[in-house]
Protein backbone atom coordinates (compact mmCIF):
# COMPACT_ATOMS: atom_id res chain seq x y z
CA MET A 1 -0.12 0.04 0.04
CA THR A 2 1.02 3.21 -0.87
CA THR A 3 1.66 5.85 1.84
CA SER A 4 0.13 9.23 2.67
CA VAL A 5 3.02 11.14 1.18
CA THR A 6 1.98 9.48 -2.13
CA VAL A 7 -1.62 10.09 -2.08
CA ASP A 8 -0.38 13.93 -0.74
CA GLN A 9 1.60 14.43 -4.30
CA THR A 10 -0.88 12.67 -6.82
CA VAL A 11 -2.98 15.13 -5.62
CA ASP A 12 -0.89 18.45 -5.64
CA ALA A 13 0.39 16.91 -8.89
CA LEU A 14 -2.80 16.99 -10.12
CA LEU A 15 -4.32 20.27 -8.78
CA ALA A 16 -1.28 21.83 -10.53
CA SER A 17 -2.27 19.90 -14.41
CA GLU A 18 -5.82 20.72 -13.95
CA SER A 19 -5.79 24.06 -13.06
CA GLU A 20 -3.69 24.68 -15.70
CA ALA A 21 -5.81 23.01 -18.26
CA PHE A 22 -8.22 24.91 -16.67
CA VAL A 23 -6.66 28.82 -17.51
CA ARG A 24 -5.47 27.15 -21.23
CA ARG A 25 -8.70 26.40 -22.61
CA GLN A 26 -10.00 30.30 -21.26
CA PRO A 27 -8.01 32.86 -22.18
CA ARG A 28 -10.90 35.12 -22.89
CA SER A 29 -12.00 34.60 -19.67
CA THR A 30 -8.33 35.77 -18.11
CA GLN A 31 -8.00 38.86 -20.54
CA MET A 32 -11.73 40.22 -19.30
CA ILE A 33 -10.51 39.93 -15.79
CA ALA A 34 -8.01 42.01 -16.95
CA ASP A 35 -10.57 43.92 -17.76
CA ALA A 36 -12.90 43.92 -15.24
CA GLY A 37 -9.74 44.54 -12.55
CA ARG A 38 -9.54 48.53 -13.64
CA VAL A 39 -13.45 49.04 -12.93
CA LEU A 40 -14.77 46.03 -11.26
CA ALA A 41 -13.44 45.59 -7.58
CA GLY A 42 -11.77 42.41 -7.33
CA GLY A 43 -12.18 41.80 -11.05
CA ALA A 44 -16.08 40.08 -10.47
CA THR A 45 -19.48 41.53 -9.82
CA SER A 46 -19.21 38.93 -6.54
CA ASN A 47 -16.36 37.88 -4.09
CA TRP A 48 -17.77 34.98 -4.13
CA GLN A 49 -17.25 34.59 -8.06
CA ILE A 50 -13.33 35.19 -7.49
CA ALA A 51 -12.33 31.04 -7.47
CA GLN A 52 -8.83 29.63 -8.30
CA PRO A 53 -7.73 29.73 -10.73
CA GLN A 54 -9.58 32.06 -11.84
CA ALA A 55 -12.93 33.63 -12.61
CA VAL A 56 -15.13 32.21 -15.61
CA TRP A 57 -16.97 34.19 -17.46
CA MET A 58 -19.66 33.06 -18.69
CA SER A 59 -22.01 33.80 -22.48
CA HIS A 60 -25.15 32.45 -22.24
CA GLY A 61 -27.46 29.37 -21.50
CA GLN A 62 -30.15 27.09 -23.23
CA GLY A 63 -31.36 24.20 -21.22
CA SER A 64 -29.09 22.60 -19.05
CA HIS A 65 -26.10 23.92 -20.89
CA VAL A 66 -23.81 27.29 -20.45
CA TRP A 67 -21.04 28.42 -22.09
CA ASP A 68 -18.17 30.92 -21.41
CA VAL A 69 -17.28 33.69 -22.94
CA ASP A 70 -14.28 31.18 -24.57
CA GLY A 71 -17.27 28.93 -26.26
CA ASN A 72 -16.70 25.82 -23.89
CA GLU A 73 -20.23 24.33 -23.28
CA TYR A 74 -20.97 23.16 -20.42
CA VAL A 75 -23.79 20.61 -18.25
CA ASP A 76 -24.48 23.58 -16.04
CA MET A 77 -25.02 21.92 -12.28
CA HIS A 78 -23.35 25.35 -11.03
CA GLY A 79 -27.68 26.61 -11.46
CA GLY A 80 -26.44 29.85 -9.85
CA TYR A 81 -25.64 28.56 -6.77
CA GLY A 82 -29.28 26.59 -6.36
CA ALA A 83 -31.16 29.50 -8.03
CA CYS A 84 -31.58 27.59 -11.90
CA ILE A 85 -34.06 24.44 -10.81
CA ALA A 86 -35.94 25.73 -14.20
CA GLY A 87 -32.48 25.37 -15.91
CA HIS A 88 -32.24 28.39 -18.54
CA GLY A 89 -34.72 29.42 -20.78
CA TYR A 90 -37.55 27.27 -20.02
CA PRO A 91 -40.81 28.18 -22.41
CA ALA A 92 -43.14 28.97 -19.48
CA ILE A 93 -41.59 31.12 -17.61
CA VAL A 94 -39.73 33.64 -20.69
CA GLU A 95 -43.43 33.80 -22.08
CA ALA A 96 -44.70 35.03 -18.47
CA VAL A 97 -41.72 37.56 -18.01
CA SER A 98 -41.29 38.52 -21.76
CA ARG A 99 -45.52 39.43 -21.41
CA GLN A 100 -45.29 41.18 -18.27
CA VAL A 101 -42.16 43.53 -19.58
CA THR A 102 -44.96 45.34 -21.73
CA ARG A 103 -47.08 45.64 -19.44
CA GLY A 104 -44.28 47.15 -16.98
CA THR A 105 -40.82 46.47 -15.50
CA HIS A 106 -42.16 48.12 -11.92
CA PHE A 107 -44.54 49.63 -10.63
CA ALA A 108 -43.54 49.47 -6.34
CA GLN A 109 -47.13 48.98 -5.89
CA PRO A 110 -48.94 45.26 -5.70
CA THR A 111 -49.80 42.95 -8.62
CA GLU A 112 -52.26 40.28 -8.94
CA ASP A 113 -50.08 37.74 -8.99
CA ALA A 114 -48.31 38.28 -5.66
CA ILE A 115 -51.37 36.73 -4.18
CA TRP A 116 -51.49 33.46 -6.63
CA VAL A 117 -48.16 32.90 -5.24
CA ALA A 118 -48.55 33.51 -1.46
CA THR A 119 -51.65 31.80 -2.52
CA GLU A 120 -49.93 28.93 -3.50
CA LEU A 121 -46.49 29.63 -0.37
CA SER A 122 -49.31 28.78 2.20
CA ARG A 123 -50.52 25.59 0.38
CA ARG A 124 -47.37 24.24 0.59
CA PHE A 125 -46.05 25.19 3.61
CA GLY A 126 -48.50 25.46 5.59
CA LEU A 127 -48.32 28.66 7.04
CA PRO A 128 -51.05 31.70 5.76
CA GLN A 129 -49.42 34.62 5.61
CA TRP A 130 -46.44 35.66 3.19
CA ARG A 131 -44.54 38.72 1.86
CA PHE A 132 -41.58 39.33 -0.68
CA ALA A 133 -38.58 40.58 -1.38
CA ASN A 134 -35.69 40.41 -3.30
CA SER A 135 -32.75 38.55 -1.48
CA GLY A 136 -32.29 35.58 1.17
CA THR A 137 -30.48 38.29 3.03
CA GLU A 138 -33.35 40.29 3.00
CA ALA A 139 -35.82 37.29 3.98
CA THR A 140 -33.32 36.17 6.76
CA MET A 141 -32.91 40.01 8.28
CA ASP A 142 -36.86 40.05 8.38
CA ALA A 143 -37.35 36.88 9.92
CA ILE A 144 -34.58 37.89 12.40
CA HIS A 145 -36.38 41.67 13.02
CA LEU A 146 -39.37 39.59 13.57
CA MET A 147 -38.42 37.56 15.86
CA ARG A 148 -36.77 40.20 18.26
CA ALA A 149 -40.14 42.39 17.50
CA LEU A 150 -42.51 39.84 19.00
CA LYS A 151 -40.55 38.66 22.36
CA GLY A 152 -39.21 41.88 22.79
CA ARG A 153 -35.52 40.05 23.29
CA ASP A 154 -31.88 40.33 21.76
CA LEU A 155 -30.63 37.25 22.05
CA VAL A 156 -30.80 34.56 18.91
CA ILE A 157 -29.62 31.24 18.65
CA LYS A 158 -27.84 30.35 15.72
CA VAL A 159 -25.95 26.89 14.26
CA GLU A 160 -21.88 27.07 13.76
CA GLY A 161 -21.39 27.04 10.06
CA CYS A 162 -24.67 28.10 8.33
CA TYR A 163 -24.94 31.07 6.28
CA HIS A 164 -28.06 33.13 6.88
CA GLY A 165 -26.69 36.11 4.16
CA HIS A 166 -23.99 39.10 4.73
CA HIS A 167 -26.62 40.96 7.18
CA ASP A 168 -24.40 41.68 10.77
CA SER A 169 -27.07 39.88 12.63
CA VAL A 170 -25.84 36.14 11.06
CA GLN A 171 -21.95 36.92 9.49
CA VAL A 172 -20.88 34.99 12.50
CA SER A 173 -19.20 31.51 12.78
CA VAL A 174 -20.21 31.38 8.90
CA LEU A 175 -16.91 29.13 8.00
CA PRO A 176 -14.85 29.37 10.84
CA GLU A 177 -10.84 28.08 10.63
CA PRO A 178 -10.31 25.14 12.90
CA GLU A 179 -8.30 27.18 15.12
CA GLU A 180 -10.07 29.92 15.37
CA VAL A 181 -13.83 27.71 16.63
CA GLY A 182 -12.80 26.92 20.12
CA PRO A 183 -14.21 24.43 22.32
CA PRO A 184 -17.01 22.61 21.19
CA ASP A 185 -19.26 23.16 24.19
CA ALA A 186 -18.40 26.67 23.83
CA PRO A 187 -18.26 27.98 20.72
CA ASN A 188 -16.17 31.48 19.89
CA ARG A 189 -17.58 34.15 17.82
CA VAL A 190 -15.84 34.13 15.05
CA PRO A 191 -17.24 37.76 12.87
CA GLY A 192 -17.77 36.46 9.04
CA ASN A 193 -16.57 39.59 7.26
CA THR A 194 -15.05 42.19 8.77
CA GLY A 195 -16.87 45.64 10.06
CA ILE A 196 -19.17 43.70 12.16
CA PRO A 197 -19.20 45.17 15.93
CA GLN A 198 -18.80 43.03 18.89
CA ALA A 199 -21.87 44.28 19.92
CA ILE A 200 -23.70 42.29 17.26
CA MET A 201 -22.18 39.80 17.60
CA ASP A 202 -22.75 39.27 20.89
CA LEU A 203 -26.49 38.78 20.41
CA ILE A 204 -25.74 35.66 19.04
CA VAL A 205 -25.58 32.27 20.69
CA LEU A 206 -24.69 29.49 19.16
CA VAL A 207 -24.70 25.77 19.18
CA PRO A 208 -23.80 22.46 16.98
CA PHE A 209 -25.92 21.34 14.15
CA ASN A 210 -28.39 18.04 15.41
CA ASP A 211 -27.63 18.63 18.94
CA LEU A 212 -30.95 18.91 21.18
CA GLY A 213 -28.70 19.30 23.84
CA ALA A 214 -26.96 22.49 23.29
CA VAL A 215 -29.72 23.67 22.73
CA GLU A 216 -31.61 22.72 26.15
CA ARG A 217 -28.50 24.04 27.37
CA VAL A 218 -28.46 27.61 26.33
CA LEU A 219 -32.03 27.89 26.61
CA LYS A 220 -31.83 27.33 30.21
CA GLU A 221 -28.53 29.50 30.20
CA HIS A 222 -30.28 32.75 28.61
CA ASP A 223 -33.94 32.21 30.47
CA GLY A 224 -36.09 34.74 28.98
CA ARG A 225 -33.67 36.69 27.21
CA ILE A 226 -33.67 34.71 23.60
CA ALA A 227 -36.30 35.29 20.90
CA GLY A 228 -35.60 32.18 18.22
CA MET A 229 -33.37 30.77 16.68
CA ILE A 230 -32.65 30.33 13.13
CA LEU A 231 -31.11 27.32 11.21
CA GLU A 232 -31.28 25.64 7.78
CA PRO A 233 -33.38 22.74 8.26
CA VAL A 234 -30.58 20.87 5.99
CA MET A 235 -27.11 22.25 6.58
CA MET A 236 -25.77 23.22 3.25
CA ASN A 237 -23.07 25.95 3.55
CA ALA A 238 -20.61 22.71 4.78
CA GLY A 239 -21.82 20.38 1.81
CA ILE A 240 -25.01 18.75 2.78
CA ILE A 241 -25.52 17.52 6.30
CA PRO A 242 -29.19 16.41 7.02
CA PRO A 243 -30.80 16.53 10.22
CA VAL A 244 -30.91 14.12 12.67
CA ASP A 245 -33.93 11.84 13.38
CA GLY A 246 -36.15 14.21 15.64
CA TYR A 247 -34.11 16.74 15.42
CA LEU A 248 -36.34 19.28 13.76
CA ALA A 249 -39.51 18.54 15.82
CA GLY A 250 -37.41 18.80 18.85
CA LEU A 251 -36.09 21.46 18.66
CA LYS A 252 -39.37 23.11 17.70
CA GLU A 253 -40.50 22.02 21.11
CA LEU A 254 -38.30 22.47 23.13
CA LEU A 255 -38.00 26.53 21.25
CA HIS A 256 -41.66 26.83 22.40
CA ALA A 257 -41.48 25.65 25.91
CA HIS A 258 -39.40 28.84 26.31
CA ASP A 259 -41.60 31.10 24.36
CA ALA A 260 -38.98 31.78 21.58
CA PHE A 261 -39.46 31.30 18.00
CA LEU A 262 -37.89 28.43 15.57
CA THR A 263 -37.16 29.69 11.93
CA PHE A 264 -36.01 27.88 8.78
CA ASP A 265 -34.17 29.17 6.53
CA GLU A 266 -34.79 27.64 3.15
CA VAL A 267 -33.14 29.86 0.74
CA LYS A 268 -30.87 26.82 -0.43
CA THR A 269 -33.06 23.76 0.77
CA GLY A 270 -36.61 24.93 -0.42
CA PHE A 271 -37.70 23.45 -3.81
CA THR A 272 -34.38 21.64 -4.23
CA THR A 273 -35.67 19.43 -1.54
CA GLY A 274 -38.71 19.43 -2.17
CA PRO A 275 -42.47 21.37 -3.26
CA ALA A 276 -42.55 22.69 0.16
CA GLY A 277 -38.52 21.80 0.99
CA ALA A 278 -37.49 20.74 4.07
CA THR A 279 -40.62 21.67 5.79
CA GLY A 280 -42.40 19.08 4.01
CA ARG A 281 -40.36 16.66 3.65
CA TYR A 282 -39.62 16.52 7.35
CA GLY A 283 -43.33 17.24 8.49
CA VAL A 284 -42.20 20.05 10.63
CA THR A 285 -43.41 23.73 10.41
CA PRO A 286 -41.51 26.07 12.21
CA ASP A 287 -43.05 29.66 12.93
CA ILE A 288 -41.06 31.40 9.79
CA VAL A 289 -39.78 30.37 6.38
CA CYS A 290 -37.67 32.41 4.90
CA LEU A 291 -37.19 31.57 1.08
CA ALA A 292 -35.03 32.63 -2.64
CA LYS A 293 -32.79 31.30 -5.44
CA ALA A 294 -35.30 28.41 -6.93
CA LEU A 295 -38.66 30.12 -6.25
CA GLY A 296 -38.08 32.47 -8.59
CA GLY A 297 -36.81 30.25 -11.84
CA GLY A 298 -33.80 32.44 -12.69
CA ILE A 299 -35.37 35.55 -11.49
CA SER A 300 -34.36 37.48 -7.67
CA VAL A 301 -36.97 37.21 -5.87
CA ALA A 302 -37.36 36.03 -1.81
CA ALA A 303 -40.45 35.69 0.65
CA ILE A 304 -40.76 35.58 3.95
CA GLY A 305 -44.07 33.21 5.30
CA GLY A 306 -45.11 32.94 9.00
CA THR A 307 -47.69 32.15 11.28
CA ALA A 308 -50.82 34.59 11.84
CA GLU A 309 -49.17 35.22 15.18
CA ILE A 310 -45.85 36.85 13.70
CA MET A 311 -47.15 38.05 10.41
CA SER A 312 -49.82 40.13 12.47
CA ALA A 313 -47.06 42.36 13.66
CA ILE A 314 -46.25 42.97 10.03
CA GLY A 315 -50.10 43.62 8.91
CA ASP A 316 -50.46 46.36 11.87
CA GLY A 317 -47.65 48.23 11.31
CA ARG A 318 -45.72 47.20 14.73
CA TYR A 319 -42.27 45.66 12.57
CA GLU A 320 -42.23 47.46 8.79
CA GLN A 321 -41.07 44.98 6.39
CA VAL A 322 -40.34 47.33 3.03
CA GLY A 323 -39.17 47.12 -0.11
CA THR A 324 -38.98 48.75 -3.21
CA PHE A 325 -38.75 46.25 -5.13
CA ASN A 326 -40.93 43.83 -3.04
CA GLY A 327 -43.32 41.76 -5.25
CA ASN A 328 -41.76 43.24 -8.20
CA PRO A 329 -44.47 42.22 -11.25
CA LEU A 330 -41.36 40.26 -13.65
CA ALA A 331 -40.52 38.76 -10.34
CA MET A 332 -44.03 37.34 -9.47
CA ALA A 333 -44.85 36.44 -12.93
CA ALA A 334 -41.74 34.02 -13.36
CA THR A 335 -42.31 33.10 -9.64
CA ARG A 336 -45.79 31.87 -10.52
CA ALA A 337 -44.58 30.83 -13.66
CA ASN A 338 -42.17 28.32 -12.23
CA LEU A 339 -44.61 27.35 -9.33
CA THR A 340 -46.98 25.90 -11.87
CA HIS A 341 -44.97 24.53 -14.81
CA VAL A 342 -41.76 24.15 -13.07
CA ILE A 343 -41.43 22.85 -9.52
CA ASN A 344 -45.16 20.69 -9.68
CA ASP A 345 -45.05 16.50 -9.75
CA ALA A 346 -43.94 15.96 -13.03
CA GLY A 347 -40.48 18.45 -12.16
CA TYR A 348 -40.14 16.60 -9.02
CA GLU A 349 -40.92 12.82 -10.36
CA ARG A 350 -38.23 13.79 -13.48
CA LEU A 351 -35.72 15.67 -10.30
CA ASP A 352 -36.30 12.21 -7.93
CA ALA A 353 -35.69 10.05 -11.10
CA LEU A 354 -32.25 11.83 -11.85
CA ALA A 355 -30.81 12.10 -8.05
CA ALA A 356 -30.96 8.35 -8.20
CA ARG A 357 -28.83 7.73 -11.59
CA ALA A 358 -26.36 9.82 -10.15
CA ARG A 359 -26.37 8.95 -6.44
CA GLU A 360 -25.74 5.17 -7.67
CA GLY A 361 -23.34 6.20 -10.63
CA PHE A 362 -21.18 7.95 -7.79
CA GLU A 363 -22.11 4.92 -5.36
CA ASP A 364 -20.64 2.42 -7.81
CA HIS A 365 -17.64 4.58 -8.62
CA ILE A 366 -16.88 4.85 -4.91
CA ALA A 367 -17.23 0.81 -4.44
CA ALA A 368 -15.50 -0.36 -7.54
CA ASN A 369 -12.30 1.85 -6.19
CA GLY A 370 -12.96 0.87 -2.26
CA LEU A 371 -13.09 5.02 -1.46
CA PRO A 372 -14.61 5.42 1.92
CA TRP A 373 -16.13 8.79 0.47
CA ARG A 374 -20.30 9.21 1.01
CA VAL A 375 -23.03 10.62 -1.69
CA VAL A 376 -25.03 12.85 -0.35
CA SER A 377 -27.67 13.89 -1.33
CA VAL A 378 -31.63 15.34 -0.61
CA GLY A 379 -33.67 16.45 -3.32
CA ALA A 380 -32.48 18.32 -6.49
CA LYS A 381 -28.96 18.36 -4.26
CA GLY A 382 -26.24 16.49 -4.18
CA CYS A 383 -22.28 16.43 -3.07
CA VAL A 384 -19.88 14.28 -2.45
CA ALA A 385 -18.87 13.67 1.47
CA PHE A 386 -14.91 13.22 1.33
CA THR A 387 -14.45 11.03 4.28
CA GLY A 388 -15.25 7.89 5.68
CA GLU A 389 -16.65 9.84 8.90
CA PRO A 390 -20.75 10.36 9.45
CA VAL A 391 -20.69 14.57 9.27
CA ARG A 392 -23.00 15.92 11.48
CA ASN A 393 -22.00 19.47 12.28
CA TYR A 394 -19.60 22.14 11.22
CA ARG A 395 -16.46 20.41 13.44
CA ASP A 396 -16.88 17.37 11.36
CA PHE A 397 -17.27 19.22 8.11
CA LEU A 398 -13.29 20.61 9.44
CA GLU A 399 -12.46 17.15 9.44
CA VAL A 400 -12.72 16.95 5.19
CA ASP A 401 -10.02 17.49 2.83
CA ASP A 402 -10.75 20.31 1.05
CA ARG A 403 -8.40 19.63 -1.95
CA TRP A 404 -10.36 16.77 -2.51
CA GLY A 405 -13.44 18.83 -3.24
CA HIS A 406 -11.27 21.65 -5.02
CA LEU A 407 -9.89 18.64 -7.79
CA HIS A 408 -12.87 17.51 -8.53
CA TRP A 409 -14.79 20.80 -9.49
CA LEU A 410 -11.61 21.35 -11.62
CA MET A 411 -12.23 17.84 -13.26
CA GLN A 412 -15.87 18.37 -13.43
CA HIS A 413 -14.92 21.41 -15.54
CA ASN A 414 -12.40 20.85 -17.42
CA GLY A 415 -14.99 16.97 -18.90
CA GLY A 416 -17.44 19.95 -19.24
CA VAL A 417 -19.75 19.55 -16.72
CA PHE A 418 -20.21 23.04 -14.16
CA LEU A 419 -20.23 22.77 -10.78
CA PRO A 420 -19.75 25.48 -7.99
CA PRO A 421 -16.88 27.06 -7.66
CA TRP A 422 -15.90 26.03 -3.78
CA GLY A 423 -15.16 22.74 -3.55
CA LYS A 424 -16.42 20.35 -0.38
CA VAL A 425 -18.56 24.00 0.22
CA GLU A 426 -20.89 23.17 -1.65
CA GLN A 427 -23.41 21.03 -4.17
CA TRP A 428 -24.58 20.37 -7.43
CA LEU A 429 -27.95 20.79 -8.57
CA LEU A 430 -30.11 19.10 -11.00
CA SER A 431 -32.45 21.07 -12.70
CA VAL A 432 -36.05 19.75 -14.48
CA GLN A 433 -34.29 20.43 -18.32
CA HIS A 434 -31.46 17.82 -17.47
CA THR A 435 -31.23 14.79 -19.41
CA ASP A 436 -29.51 11.28 -18.27
CA GLU A 437 -26.97 11.61 -20.66
CA ASP A 438 -26.15 14.93 -18.96
CA VAL A 439 -26.13 12.91 -15.13
CA ASP A 440 -23.44 10.16 -16.74
CA LEU A 441 -21.40 12.90 -17.82
CA LEU A 442 -20.81 13.97 -13.88
CA VAL A 443 -21.46 10.35 -13.29
CA SER A 444 -18.11 9.87 -15.52
CA ASN A 445 -16.20 13.15 -15.02
CA PHE A 446 -16.63 12.05 -11.07
CA GLY A 447 -15.39 8.35 -12.16
CA ARG A 448 -11.93 9.85 -13.34
CA LEU A 449 -11.58 11.36 -10.04
CA ALA A 450 -12.21 8.64 -7.83
CA ALA A 451 -10.27 5.92 -9.97
CA VAL A 452 -6.93 8.51 -9.34
CA ALA A 453 -7.96 8.02 -5.71
CA GLY A 454 -8.30 4.33 -5.91
CA ARG A 455 -4.58 3.99 -6.82
CA SER A 456 -3.02 6.60 -5.47
CA THR A 457 -4.53 4.97 -1.94
CA HIS A 458 -4.17 1.42 -2.75
CA GLY A 459 -1.91 1.44 -5.70
CA SER A 460 -3.74 -0.08 -8.22
CA THR A 461 -7.64 0.05 -8.85
CA PRO A 462 -9.49 -2.22 -6.30
CA GLY A 463 -11.22 -5.31 -8.20
CA ALA A 464 -8.88 -4.28 -11.10
CA ALA A 465 -7.31 -7.59 -13.40
């Protein structure tokens, strides 16, 4: 058997060669980065677009494929970080938005589609009233404000390693480094960005994911001071970490017993995990649900839904939920078309079949090469956990070697599949327009990585002649 040093050398050599190939096939992207550097801070429109070895500048998309400015074609499983569950150019969405463009793009007044969308969201999620916003950050910001406003308390429980947008209240311990996290039973509050006041961070109480005991402990420790808790019901800022049995229901029971609210941040899980997100999938209805990303079929839109008690604070003016572009007619038209024609029973039947095909293909390659890795998928999203140990929370996730995730991204990209660039952190997204052949290319590219890992770990591929 080869040593771990040999494995490290193999991975490092492949990272270098795949990075070189990545840059070599994208000369126009390289030039555009240089041009953009003069007028765009950092040479991109978001720091999340600045990847190694370089950002990919896109030209267009159609169906399940996208093309970069160099003309390279990819199966798109990046999906705009989870927004494009409809794929690109879905006819019903194109028609709805095109029709609305000719009727007016913005009024800052409600339109009839807003009633339809809110009614459908109420039916799916079991929460009676809704408001709209423009991004997941806005939705979770409103949720935090509402919990604090109705309880008259400042403290909010947040899960270590969860991302809830870039407003101050939740920019705490988003992706802290191992040397920063502190003891597991008393995690350090680590700023998720610069410019976050310590006074704001002190209002967040940190707990691990999948640990009811920790939540019970902090509720007792801060008795009568906690307004509520916000979490991703399936952690998706650390690969994919599902809730253990009874965790979500137990949270609701604990929080309500201490007169505190429960908010599900379903910005990533909403509609990618099922027609009613994780709320429907796991059968636990929180006090507040936040939606964005896949909701608008590629158009920027967000929503916040809540119980009658919570949303009454908006209705009677105790909390002013505002935004010039809230309920924008283009966003409402796209969302109505998406909910009607894309994320319906037929859409989820297709997504489930594609997800099963991908999962089985990955698992076959893992088994054939004697690897300890595991495939984790929930609904339309999936990832590889490059570890043999169970990942139940962020501390477990920190133990995963992120070089494998980055190498996977590079090999998929160079092999014609576009994944999110953050290696082990992000997930692939299936759309209703993907085909079996698209999934097979994803699986085939992974097979190359698995074969390399198998040879470097075992000296030869297990089972090979």
